[in-house]
């Protein structure tokens, strides 16, 4: 499911709802309208919200109730979240509502689908959600443009929705009973953050493995710890995958062959224990994959409409605790990957450990080489450790203690994305340092994967002969991780059986 969703979102294809989904949505809507007609009291349909759920709303005010809900809950602050995350939120909200358990009018889903297909992306501030009852503030900002309010990112410009309506770009909808609540209840913001992080982290760990393989060659480390006999004894799937990748990257390496008979039998843990540590990170990614699979497929609205029993039931599927714990877990795992990479970078700087010139400079002393580049990596790794304090344990009661435990999943997701951004820079620094060391080993040649890593690094940054301003080189990390063709090529090689 996760892979299918990522592939669909990357394809930029239009979304079309099947007839079966439309029938389910319409059947659930009939249950909601029948409840309103009968005069029964149903939370969120003819009552206030949260602590105000004891207040009954008059029939003539039900439309106003839903409009006021969007307006009052659009309290996000901070810079707008990335448009691709907003696009993911739209997709997830459509998918959630289309399962037919929310009871909203089909026009709501139809308008969300129009926004998705036409790339009309509501402006959603990044902060303001506690992850229960749902991602209220972000989803309120997502929904406001549907009724002609809020702002939209259109053709790279932030424009009031009302202005686009005046231009005839789209028509707003009118909300009926339960419509506003269906739009803002749910975990689509938290899920979009974690899904984005999962996709980026999957690429990032693969690139970290390649950078590590390059460092192994640069420092003349042994590949013995990656042999399958050792990995099979533990039986950990992530560990075995990492070891396989390293073996494939180092295959046919004349650097490795050049020191088979040397006296050094053990390397520092940051080299020797790569399968064990990065394997644990891969296992964490598998756990996150499972959580995302469940969340993408679930319905996180409240109350929920069950057409077979004509029942409208209140529950707590909006609580994003699974997502919060998964995001915190992945944050810690990626911080560890950064700690390991920083240690390898440090080893490359030290001539005692590396047998290379100090700080990888051909003329150390007159030149500082990679001395302060390592400091940058150390600063980023330390920042990631600070960011690894779990957000999920920071519950603060809200809504006059009606919502007395919240997940803080959005904070966990936002923190996770910052850790990924830091780790991308750390891994790129290892590429730069390892490539420098590999070239100092020439004419010895690297393995199948490390040769590709060296060539890619040199495509983006030149060998450091003498000191130069290096921040432009460091900024090339975005180009490395934005190169989908290169990442796909490395993935194929990593998983090759030949």
Protein backbone atom coordinates (compact mmCIF):
# COMPACT_ATOMS: atom_id res chain seq x y z
CA UNK A 1 0.00 0.00 0.00
CA UNK A 2 2.72 2.51 0.99
CA UNK A 3 4.73 1.81 -2.14
CA UNK A 4 1.63 2.14 -4.33
CA UNK A 5 0.71 5.49 -2.78
CA UNK A 6 4.25 6.86 -3.15
CA UNK A 7 4.38 5.68 -6.77
CA UNK A 8 0.99 7.26 -7.54
CA UNK A 9 1.90 10.59 -5.95
CA UNK A 10 5.19 10.69 -7.87
CA UNK A 11 3.44 9.86 -11.13
CA UNK A 12 1.42 13.13 -11.02
CA UNK A 13 -1.57 11.23 -12.43
CA UNK A 14 -5.12 12.47 -11.90
CA UNK A 15 -7.30 10.85 -9.28
CA UNK A 16 -10.69 9.35 -10.15
CA UNK A 17 -13.05 7.78 -7.64
CA UNK A 18 -14.59 4.41 -8.52
CA UNK A 19 -18.38 4.08 -8.67
CA UNK A 20 -18.30 1.75 -5.67
CA UNK A 21 -16.78 4.50 -3.51
CA UNK A 22 -19.40 7.01 -4.64
CA UNK A 23 -22.17 4.58 -3.65
CA UNK A 24 -20.67 4.07 -0.20
CA UNK A 25 -20.35 7.82 0.35
CA UNK A 26 -23.95 8.46 -0.72
CA UNK A 27 -25.28 5.62 1.46
CA UNK A 28 -23.50 7.00 4.52
CA UNK A 29 -24.82 10.47 3.73
CA UNK A 30 -28.37 9.13 3.85
CA UNK A 31 -27.77 7.87 7.39
CA UNK A 32 -26.57 11.33 8.49
CA UNK A 33 -29.51 13.13 6.91
CA UNK A 34 -31.95 10.62 8.43
CA UNK A 35 -30.44 11.28 11.87
CA UNK A 36 -30.89 15.01 11.41
CA UNK A 37 -34.46 14.53 10.20
CA UNK A 38 -35.35 12.31 13.17
CA UNK A 39 -34.18 14.93 15.64
CA UNK A 40 -31.78 12.63 17.52
CA UNK A 41 -28.73 14.21 19.11
CA UNK A 42 -25.50 13.20 17.34
CA UNK A 43 -22.08 14.60 18.20
CA UNK A 44 -20.68 17.01 15.65
CA UNK A 45 -23.81 16.95 13.54
CA UNK A 46 -26.20 18.90 15.75
CA UNK A 47 -24.00 19.54 18.80
CA UNK A 48 -21.01 21.71 19.58
CA UNK A 49 -17.49 20.31 19.50
CA UNK A 50 -15.06 19.08 22.15
CA UNK A 51 -16.06 20.45 25.56
CA UNK A 52 -19.05 22.12 23.85
CA UNK A 53 -20.52 18.77 22.80
CA UNK A 54 -23.30 19.10 25.40
CA UNK A 55 -24.78 22.10 23.57
CA UNK A 56 -27.57 21.23 21.12
CA UNK A 57 -27.61 23.19 17.87
CA UNK A 58 -30.88 24.25 16.23
CA UNK A 59 -31.66 22.79 12.76
CA UNK A 60 -31.52 26.19 11.09
CA UNK A 61 -27.94 26.68 12.39
CA UNK A 62 -26.41 23.40 11.24
CA UNK A 63 -24.85 24.91 8.12
CA UNK A 64 -23.39 27.80 10.13
CA UNK A 65 -22.05 25.30 12.67
CA UNK A 66 -19.90 23.60 10.01
CA UNK A 67 -18.66 26.88 8.53
CA UNK A 68 -17.78 28.22 11.99
CA UNK A 69 -15.88 25.00 12.67
CA UNK A 70 -13.52 25.60 9.74
CA UNK A 71 -13.06 29.26 10.57
CA UNK A 72 -12.44 28.79 14.29
CA UNK A 73 -10.06 25.88 13.86
CA UNK A 74 -7.83 27.46 11.19
CA UNK A 75 -5.33 28.64 13.79
CA UNK A 76 -2.08 27.40 12.30
CA UNK A 77 1.11 29.43 12.62
CA UNK A 78 4.57 29.42 11.10
CA UNK A 79 5.80 29.07 7.55
CA UNK A 80 3.63 27.12 5.11
CA UNK A 81 4.37 23.43 4.90
CA UNK A 82 5.91 22.13 1.67
CA UNK A 83 3.37 22.03 -1.19
CA UNK A 84 4.09 18.34 -1.84
CA UNK A 85 3.06 17.55 1.73
CA UNK A 86 -0.18 19.50 1.16
CA UNK A 87 -0.76 17.51 -2.02
CA UNK A 88 -0.25 14.31 -0.01
CA UNK A 89 -2.73 15.57 2.60
CA UNK A 90 -5.35 16.12 -0.12
CA UNK A 91 -4.83 12.60 -1.43
CA UNK A 92 -5.04 11.04 2.03
CA UNK A 93 -8.16 13.02 2.95
CA UNK A 94 -9.89 11.98 -0.28
CA UNK A 95 -8.93 8.37 0.34
CA UNK A 96 -10.16 8.55 3.93
CA UNK A 97 -13.55 10.09 3.13
CA UNK A 98 -14.12 7.90 0.07
CA UNK A 99 -14.32 4.78 2.24
CA UNK A 100 -17.85 5.81 3.14
CA UNK A 101 -17.70 5.96 6.93
CA UNK A 102 -17.73 9.75 7.38
CA UNK A 103 -21.19 10.68 6.15
CA UNK A 104 -20.11 13.81 4.31
CA UNK A 105 -21.78 14.96 1.13
CA UNK A 106 -20.13 13.62 -2.03
CA UNK A 107 -19.59 17.21 -3.24
CA UNK A 108 -16.94 17.59 -0.51
CA UNK A 109 -14.86 14.71 -1.89
CA UNK A 110 -15.51 15.87 -5.44
CA UNK A 111 -14.12 19.32 -4.66
CA UNK A 112 -11.06 17.89 -2.87
CA UNK A 113 -10.43 15.74 -5.95
CA UNK A 114 -10.72 18.78 -8.20
CA UNK A 115 -8.13 20.58 -6.07
CA UNK A 116 -5.80 17.57 -6.21
CA UNK A 117 -6.09 17.07 -9.96
CA UNK A 118 -5.68 20.76 -10.78
CA UNK A 119 -2.83 21.28 -8.30
CA UNK A 120 -4.79 23.87 -6.33
CA UNK A 121 -2.89 23.51 -3.08
CA UNK A 122 -4.27 25.21 0.05
CA UNK A 123 -1.71 27.10 2.12
CA UNK A 124 -1.24 25.16 5.37
CA UNK A 125 0.92 26.61 8.21
CA UNK A 126 3.26 24.02 9.65
CA UNK A 127 2.47 24.42 13.37
CA UNK A 128 -0.68 24.27 15.47
CA UNK A 129 -1.78 20.63 15.71
CA UNK A 130 -1.43 18.38 18.76
CA UNK A 131 -2.43 15.26 16.80
CA UNK A 132 -5.77 14.62 18.57
CA UNK A 133 -8.68 15.23 18.06
CA UNK A 134 -7.18 14.83 14.62
CA UNK A 135 -4.96 17.38 12.92
CA UNK A 136 -7.58 20.08 13.40
CA UNK A 137 -5.73 23.29 12.54
CA UNK A 138 -3.81 22.05 9.47
CA UNK A 139 -6.90 20.33 8.07
CA UNK A 140 -9.02 23.43 8.67
CA UNK A 141 -6.54 25.39 6.54
CA UNK A 142 -6.71 22.61 3.96
CA UNK A 143 -10.51 22.85 3.89
CA UNK A 144 -11.10 26.61 4.02
CA UNK A 145 -10.57 27.20 0.28
CA UNK A 146 -13.36 24.74 -0.48
CA UNK A 147 -15.80 27.33 0.85
CA UNK A 148 -13.97 30.26 -0.71
CA UNK A 149 -11.82 31.29 2.26
CA UNK A 150 -8.16 30.90 3.15
CA UNK A 151 -5.35 30.91 0.60
CA UNK A 152 -4.17 28.71 -2.25
CA UNK A 153 -0.77 28.16 -3.81
CA UNK A 154 -1.50 28.41 -7.52
CA UNK A 155 1.17 28.66 -10.21
CA UNK A 156 3.78 29.31 -7.48
CA UNK A 157 1.81 32.25 -6.08
CA UNK A 158 -0.04 32.46 -2.77
CA UNK A 159 -3.48 33.81 -3.66
CA UNK A 160 -6.67 34.27 -1.60
CA UNK A 161 -9.23 31.61 -2.54
CA UNK A 162 -11.86 34.31 -2.95
CA UNK A 163 -9.75 35.97 -5.64
CA UNK A 164 -9.44 32.74 -7.62
CA UNK A 165 -13.19 32.26 -7.39
CA UNK A 166 -13.70 35.77 -8.79
CA UNK A 167 -11.42 34.82 -11.67
CA UNK A 168 -13.66 31.84 -12.35
CA UNK A 169 -10.97 29.27 -11.56
CA UNK A 170 -13.27 27.16 -9.38
CA UNK A 171 -16.60 27.30 -7.56
CA UNK A 172 -16.93 26.96 -3.77
CA UNK A 173 -19.18 24.41 -2.11
CA UNK A 174 -21.79 24.78 0.60
CA UNK A 175 -21.37 22.69 3.73
CA UNK A 176 -24.16 20.61 5.20
CA UNK A 177 -24.42 18.53 8.40
CA UNK A 178 -21.15 16.78 9.36
CA UNK A 179 -19.26 18.12 6.30
CA UNK A 180 -16.91 20.48 8.13
CA UNK A 181 -16.18 17.98 10.87
CA UNK A 182 -15.39 15.26 8.31
CA UNK A 183 -12.91 17.61 6.68
CA UNK A 184 -10.92 18.45 9.81
CA UNK A 185 -11.14 15.23 11.80
CA UNK A 186 -8.38 12.81 10.92
CA UNK A 187 -4.64 12.25 10.88
CA UNK A 188 -3.88 13.29 7.32
CA UNK A 189 -1.33 15.96 8.28
CA UNK A 190 0.57 13.63 10.62
CA UNK A 191 0.38 10.82 8.06
CA UNK A 192 1.60 13.06 5.22
CA UNK A 193 4.59 14.14 7.31
CA UNK A 194 5.53 10.57 8.19
CA UNK A 195 4.96 9.29 4.64
CA UNK A 196 7.21 12.04 3.26
CA UNK A 197 9.84 11.26 5.87
CA UNK A 198 9.67 7.52 5.15
CA UNK A 199 10.25 8.05 1.45
CA UNK A 200 13.21 10.38 2.06
CA UNK A 201 14.70 8.17 4.78
CA UNK A 202 14.58 5.09 2.56
CA UNK A 203 16.74 6.85 -0.04
CA UNK A 204 18.92 8.34 2.67
CA UNK A 205 19.89 5.04 4.28
CA UNK A 206 20.79 3.58 0.89
CA UNK A 207 23.04 6.57 0.21
CA UNK A 208 24.53 6.27 3.69
CA UNK A 209 25.47 2.68 2.92
CA UNK A 210 27.20 3.78 -0.29
CA UNK A 211 29.07 6.57 1.48
CA UNK A 212 30.15 4.09 4.15
CA UNK A 213 31.45 1.70 1.49
CA UNK A 214 33.50 4.54 0.00
CA UNK A 215 34.92 5.32 3.46
CA UNK A 216 35.79 1.62 3.91
CA UNK A 217 37.96 1.80 0.82
CA UNK A 218 39.45 5.18 1.69
CA UNK A 219 40.56 4.02 5.14
CA UNK A 220 41.65 0.56 3.94
CA UNK A 221 39.15 -1.19 6.19
CA UNK A 222 38.43 -4.89 5.79
CA UNK A 223 35.22 -6.28 4.29
CA UNK A 224 35.36 -9.45 6.40
CA UNK A 225 32.66 -8.29 8.89
CA UNK A 226 30.13 -8.18 6.04
CA UNK A 227 30.47 -11.83 5.10
CA UNK A 228 27.18 -13.77 5.02
CA UNK A 229 28.42 -16.39 7.52
CA UNK A 230 28.53 -13.71 10.22
CA UNK A 231 25.21 -12.10 9.25
CA UNK A 232 23.29 -15.37 9.08
CA UNK A 233 24.11 -16.24 12.68
CA UNK A 234 22.05 -13.33 13.95
CA UNK A 235 19.18 -13.70 11.49
CA UNK A 236 18.24 -10.02 11.56
CA UNK A 237 16.76 -9.05 8.19
CA UNK A 238 17.90 -5.42 8.24
CA UNK A 239 21.43 -6.45 9.14
CA UNK A 240 21.57 -8.95 6.30
CA UNK A 241 20.29 -6.39 3.79
CA UNK A 242 22.93 -3.82 4.78
CA UNK A 243 25.70 -6.42 4.58
CA UNK A 244 24.50 -7.51 1.13
CA UNK A 245 24.50 -3.90 -0.06
CA UNK A 246 28.02 -3.33 1.23
CA UNK A 247 29.29 -6.49 -0.43
CA UNK A 248 27.74 -5.44 -3.73
CA UNK A 249 29.15 -1.92 -3.49
CA UNK A 250 32.66 -3.29 -2.74
CA UNK A 251 32.59 -6.10 -5.29
CA UNK A 252 35.63 -6.15 -7.63
CA UNK A 253 37.43 -3.55 -5.52
CA UNK A 254 41.17 -3.59 -6.06
CA UNK A 255 41.47 -1.38 -2.97
CA UNK A 256 40.03 -4.16 -0.80
CA UNK A 257 42.22 -6.77 -2.48
CA UNK A 258 45.35 -4.67 -1.99
CA UNK A 259 45.48 -5.19 1.78
CA UNK A 260 44.08 -8.70 2.24
CA UNK A 261 47.23 -9.84 4.03
CA UNK A 262 47.75 -6.79 6.26
CA UNK A 263 48.22 -7.11 10.01
CA UNK A 264 45.13 -5.06 10.92
CA UNK A 265 42.30 -7.48 11.72
CA UNK A 266 39.69 -5.20 13.27
CA UNK A 267 38.43 -1.74 12.39
CA UNK A 268 36.56 0.79 14.56
CA UNK A 269 32.90 -0.03 15.25
CA UNK A 270 31.65 2.67 12.88
CA UNK A 271 33.08 0.49 10.07
CA UNK A 272 32.93 -3.02 11.50
CA UNK A 273 29.40 -2.78 12.92
CA UNK A 274 27.77 -1.11 9.92
CA UNK A 275 25.35 -4.00 9.26
CA UNK A 276 24.30 -4.14 12.89
CA UNK A 277 23.63 -0.41 13.29
CA UNK A 278 22.27 0.52 9.87
CA UNK A 279 20.44 -2.82 9.87
CA UNK A 280 18.58 -1.70 13.00
CA UNK A 281 17.72 1.54 11.19
CA UNK A 282 16.31 -0.50 8.30
CA UNK A 283 14.25 -2.53 10.77
CA UNK A 284 12.88 0.75 12.11
CA UNK A 285 11.91 1.74 8.58
CA UNK A 286 10.03 -1.56 8.28
CA UNK A 287 8.09 -0.74 11.45
CA UNK A 288 7.22 2.72 10.11
CA UNK A 289 6.12 1.10 6.84
CA UNK A 290 3.70 -1.10 8.79
CA UNK A 291 2.24 1.85 10.69
CA UNK A 292 1.80 3.85 7.48
CA UNK A 293 0.17 0.89 5.77
CA UNK A 294 -2.43 0.75 8.52
CA UNK A 295 -2.99 4.51 8.65
CA UNK A 296 -3.40 4.96 4.90
CA UNK A 297 -6.02 2.22 4.86
CA UNK A 298 -7.90 3.26 7.99
CA UNK A 299 -10.70 5.78 8.64
CA UNK A 300 -9.69 8.38 11.23
CA UNK A 301 -12.87 10.47 11.32
CA UNK A 302 -15.27 10.86 14.29
CA UNK A 303 -18.09 10.11 14.65
CA UNK A 304 -18.21 7.22 12.18
CA UNK A 305 -21.21 6.20 10.10
CA UNK A 306 -22.09 2.50 9.69
CA UNK A 307 -24.63 2.01 6.95
CA UNK A 308 -25.43 -1.64 7.66
CA UNK A 309 -26.65 -0.86 11.17
CA UNK A 310 -27.71 2.75 10.48
CA UNK A 311 -25.51 3.71 13.43
CA UNK A 312 -23.42 6.82 14.04
CA UNK A 313 -20.79 6.00 16.66
CA UNK A 314 -18.24 8.19 18.43
CA UNK A 315 -14.75 6.82 19.01
CA UNK A 316 -11.10 7.81 18.93
CA UNK A 317 -9.65 6.81 15.56
CA UNK A 318 -8.45 10.40 15.16
CA UNK A 319 -5.78 9.87 17.82
CA UNK A 320 -2.39 9.82 16.08
CA UNK A 321 -0.39 8.01 18.77
CA UNK A 322 0.78 5.24 16.37
CA UNK A 323 2.16 7.89 14.02
CA UNK A 324 3.77 9.85 16.85
CA UNK A 325 5.60 6.83 18.23
CA UNK A 326 6.70 5.75 14.75
CA UNK A 327 8.04 9.22 13.94
CA UNK A 328 9.93 9.40 17.24
CA UNK A 329 11.36 5.92 16.69
CA UNK A 330 12.57 6.79 13.19
CA UNK A 331 14.03 10.09 14.45
CA UNK A 332 16.16 8.22 16.98
CA UNK A 333 17.22 5.65 14.39
CA UNK A 334 18.30 8.27 11.87
CA UNK A 335 20.16 10.22 14.54
CA UNK A 336 22.13 7.03 15.16
CA UNK A 337 22.90 6.75 11.45
CA UNK A 338 24.26 10.29 11.65
CA UNK A 339 26.34 9.46 14.72
CA UNK A 340 27.90 6.54 12.85
CA UNK A 341 28.63 8.60 9.72
CA UNK A 342 30.22 11.38 11.77
CA UNK A 343 32.56 8.84 13.38
CA UNK A 344 33.68 7.58 9.96
CA UNK A 345 34.25 11.15 8.76
CA UNK A 346 36.32 11.77 11.89
CA UNK A 347 38.38 8.63 11.20
CA UNK A 348 39.15 9.88 7.69
CA UNK A 349 40.54 13.10 9.19
CA UNK A 350 42.97 11.27 11.50
CA UNK A 351 46.20 10.10 9.82
CA UNK A 352 46.79 7.56 12.59
CA UNK A 353 43.52 5.77 11.76
CA UNK A 354 43.41 6.42 8.03
CA UNK A 355 47.06 6.43 6.93
CA UNK A 356 46.00 9.38 4.77
CA UNK A 357 47.28 12.99 5.01
CA UNK A 358 45.84 14.88 7.98
CA UNK A 359 42.38 16.26 7.23
CA UNK A 360 42.67 14.79 3.73
CA UNK A 361 44.81 17.67 2.48
CA UNK A 362 47.78 16.88 0.21
CA UNK A 363 49.60 19.78 1.90
CA UNK A 364 48.41 19.72 5.51
CA UNK A 365 49.48 22.66 7.63
CA UNK A 366 49.47 25.22 4.90
CA UNK A 367 45.99 23.89 4.15
CA UNK A 368 43.30 22.88 6.65
CA UNK A 369 41.57 20.57 4.18
CA UNK A 370 38.41 18.99 5.61
CA UNK A 371 39.09 20.02 9.22
CA UNK A 372 36.07 22.33 9.58
CA UNK A 373 33.90 20.29 7.23
CA UNK A 374 34.11 17.63 9.92
CA UNK A 375 33.09 20.24 12.50
CA UNK A 376 29.98 20.92 10.40
CA UNK A 377 29.14 17.22 10.40
CA UNK A 378 29.66 17.08 14.16
CA UNK A 379 27.35 20.06 14.67
CA UNK A 380 24.63 18.46 12.55
CA UNK A 381 24.94 15.13 14.38
CA UNK A 382 24.68 16.92 17.72
CA UNK A 383 21.58 18.80 16.53
CA UNK A 384 19.99 15.49 15.58
CA UNK A 385 20.66 14.11 19.05
CA UNK A 386 18.94 17.15 20.55
CA UNK A 387 15.97 16.63 18.21
CA UNK A 388 15.70 13.00 19.30
CA UNK A 389 13.83 13.86 22.49
CA UNK A 390 10.47 12.13 21.84
CA UNK A 391 7.57 14.44 21.06
CA UNK A 392 5.04 11.72 21.88
CA UNK A 393 5.65 11.98 25.64
CA UNK A 394 4.86 15.71 25.65
CA UNK A 395 1.08 15.39 25.92
CA UNK A 396 -0.71 18.56 27.04
CA UNK A 397 -4.48 18.45 27.82
CA UNK A 398 -6.62 20.65 25.56
CA UNK A 399 -10.28 21.63 25.10
CA UNK A 400 -10.87 22.27 28.82
CA UNK A 401 -9.54 18.77 29.65
CA UNK A 402 -12.04 17.02 27.38
CA UNK A 403 -9.10 16.09 25.18
CA UNK A 404 -6.84 15.19 28.07
CA UNK A 405 -4.23 13.17 26.17
CA UNK A 406 -2.90 14.13 22.76
CA UNK A 407 -0.27 12.51 20.54
CA UNK A 408 1.87 15.44 19.37
CA UNK A 409 2.38 13.46 16.14
CA UNK A 410 2.76 16.59 13.97
CA UNK A 411 5.57 17.86 16.21
CA UNK A 412 7.20 14.43 15.95
CA UNK A 413 6.86 14.50 12.15
CA UNK A 414 8.22 18.02 11.79
CA UNK A 415 11.16 17.15 14.00
CA UNK A 416 11.80 14.02 11.97
CA UNK A 417 11.97 16.01 8.73
CA UNK A 418 14.57 18.30 10.30
CA UNK A 419 16.66 15.29 11.30
CA UNK A 420 16.45 13.96 7.73
CA UNK A 421 17.59 17.32 6.37
CA UNK A 422 20.57 17.28 8.74
CA UNK A 423 21.42 13.68 7.93
CA UNK A 424 21.38 14.32 4.20
CA UNK A 425 24.08 16.94 4.76
CA UNK A 426 26.13 14.62 6.99
CA UNK A 427 25.98 11.81 4.42
CA UNK A 428 27.00 14.18 1.64
CA UNK A 429 29.97 15.32 3.74
CA UNK A 430 30.98 11.67 4.01
CA UNK A 431 30.72 11.35 0.23
CA UNK A 432 33.07 14.33 -0.14
CA UNK A 433 35.56 13.10 2.44
CA UNK A 434 35.50 9.48 1.27
CA UNK A 435 35.90 10.49 -2.38
CA UNK A 436 38.93 12.57 -1.40
CA UNK A 437 40.43 9.55 0.35
CA UNK A 438 39.59 7.17 -2.51
CA UNK A 439 41.43 9.37 -5.00
CA UNK A 440 44.45 9.37 -2.72
CA UNK A 441 44.48 5.55 -3.08
CA UNK A 442 44.72 5.66 -6.87
CA UNK A 443 45.71 3.92 -9.10
CA UNK A 444 43.79 1.35 -7.04
CA UNK A 445 40.17 1.20 -8.17
CA UNK A 446 37.05 0.99 -6.10
CA UNK A 447 34.24 -1.53 -6.21
CA UNK A 448 31.23 -1.55 -8.52
CA UNK A 449 29.22 0.74 -6.30
CA UNK A 450 31.98 2.91 -4.87
CA UNK A 451 33.22 3.77 -8.38
CA UNK A 452 29.74 5.12 -9.12
CA UNK A 453 29.74 7.03 -5.85
CA UNK A 454 33.11 8.59 -6.62
CA UNK A 455 32.04 9.57 -10.14
CA UNK A 456 28.82 11.14 -8.83
CA UNK A 457 30.73 13.07 -6.18
CA UNK A 458 33.15 14.42 -8.75
CA UNK A 459 30.25 15.42 -10.96
CA UNK A 460 29.12 17.71 -8.13
CA UNK A 461 32.39 18.77 -6.48
CA UNK A 462 36.07 18.77 -7.47
CA UNK A 463 38.99 17.16 -5.64
CA UNK A 464 40.33 19.46 -2.90
CA UNK A 465 43.96 20.14 -3.90
CA UNK A 466 44.35 23.29 -1.85
CA UNK A 467 42.00 25.17 0.46
CA UNK A 468 39.03 26.84 -1.19
CA UNK A 469 35.65 28.08 -0.07
CA UNK A 470 33.70 24.86 0.54
CA UNK A 471 30.17 25.95 1.35
CA UNK A 472 29.14 25.77 -2.34
CA UNK A 473 30.35 22.16 -2.36
CA UNK A 474 28.36 21.38 0.78
CA UNK A 475 25.23 22.83 -0.81
CA UNK A 476 25.34 20.13 -3.49
CA UNK A 477 23.67 17.63 -1.15
CA UNK A 478 20.30 18.70 -2.57
CA UNK A 479 21.43 17.69 -6.05
CA UNK A 480 22.63 14.29 -4.85
CA UNK A 481 19.37 13.42 -3.11
CA UNK A 482 17.30 14.95 -5.88
CA UNK A 483 18.83 12.69 -8.53
CA UNK A 484 16.19 9.95 -8.77
CA UNK A 485 17.97 8.19 -11.63
CA UNK A 486 21.20 7.87 -9.64
CA UNK A 487 19.39 6.61 -6.54
CA UNK A 488 17.47 4.08 -8.64
CA UNK A 489 20.73 2.89 -10.24
CA UNK A 490 22.38 2.46 -6.83
CA UNK A 491 19.33 0.62 -5.49
CA UNK A 492 19.42 -1.85 -8.37
CA UNK A 493 23.12 -2.49 -7.83
CA UNK A 494 22.72 -2.82 -4.07
CA UNK A 495 20.11 -5.54 -4.42
CA UNK A 496 21.77 -7.37 -7.31
CA UNK A 497 22.46 -11.09 -7.03
CA UNK A 498 25.11 -11.02 -9.75
